[in-house]
Protein backbone atom coordinates (compact mmCIF):
# COMPACT_ATOMS: atom_id res chain seq x y z
CA MET A 1 -21.19 37.62 32.93
CA THR A 2 -22.61 40.57 31.08
CA ARG A 3 -21.83 39.97 27.51
CA PHE A 4 -22.92 36.08 27.50
CA ASN A 5 -25.25 33.92 29.29
CA ALA A 6 -23.61 32.15 31.96
CA GLU A 7 -25.73 29.28 31.21
CA LYS A 8 -25.25 29.02 27.50
CA VAL A 9 -21.38 29.14 28.22
CA LEU A 10 -21.66 26.04 30.54
CA ILE A 11 -24.12 23.94 28.47
CA ILE A 12 -21.15 25.00 25.20
CA TYR A 13 -18.39 24.13 27.56
CA SER A 14 -19.54 21.01 28.80
CA VAL A 15 -20.79 19.31 25.73
CA ILE A 16 -17.36 20.04 24.11
CA GLY A 17 -15.51 18.96 27.26
CA ALA A 18 -17.52 15.71 27.40
CA LEU A 19 -16.95 15.04 23.70
CA PHE A 20 -13.03 15.25 24.69
CA LEU A 21 -13.76 12.90 27.51
CA ILE A 22 -15.19 10.40 24.91
CA TYR A 23 -12.36 10.70 22.51
CA VAL A 24 -9.86 10.03 25.73
CA ALA A 25 -11.92 7.12 27.09
CA PHE A 26 -11.96 5.24 23.06
CA ILE A 27 -8.81 6.74 21.76
CA PRO A 28 -5.73 4.71 22.34
CA SER A 29 -3.07 6.82 21.09
CA PHE A 30 -1.01 9.96 22.69
CA THR A 31 -3.02 12.58 21.04
CA ALA A 32 -5.78 11.40 24.47
CA VAL A 33 -3.05 13.27 26.37
CA TYR A 34 -3.65 16.51 24.87
CA ALA A 35 -7.36 15.59 24.81
CA ALA A 36 -7.54 15.34 28.28
CA VAL A 37 -5.68 18.74 28.73
CA MET A 38 -8.36 20.16 27.00
CA VAL A 39 -10.74 18.52 29.34
CA SER A 40 -9.41 20.71 31.90
CA ILE A 41 -9.02 23.74 29.99
CA LEU A 42 -12.75 23.70 28.85
CA PHE A 43 -14.13 22.51 32.62
CA GLY A 44 -11.92 24.80 34.56
CA PRO A 45 -14.11 28.05 33.71
CA CYS A 46 -17.62 26.01 34.45
CA TRP A 47 -16.36 25.38 38.32
CA ALA A 48 -15.66 29.34 38.64
CA THR A 49 -19.10 30.40 36.76
CA ILE A 50 -21.13 28.32 38.99
CA TYR A 51 -19.27 29.35 42.13
CA ALA A 52 -20.17 32.72 41.35
CA GLY A 53 -23.57 32.23 40.39
CA THR A 54 -23.73 30.67 43.52
CA LEU A 55 -22.40 33.34 45.66
CA GLY A 56 -24.70 35.77 43.63
CA TYR A 57 -28.03 33.68 44.42
CA ARG A 58 -29.57 34.76 47.87
CA GLY A 59 -33.05 33.06 47.57
């Protein structure tokens, strides 16, 4: 990622995803289904970013 700092992107996506998870856990309505989908959308790029960063590390 040349434009964005990968650590900042991971933190932002993770915090927003965690907020959606809290919503899913405590709000008993159908909108929680949409929030669960948003969790998947937000956490999806996190796995790829962590994986790519691990491959790039040759410590």
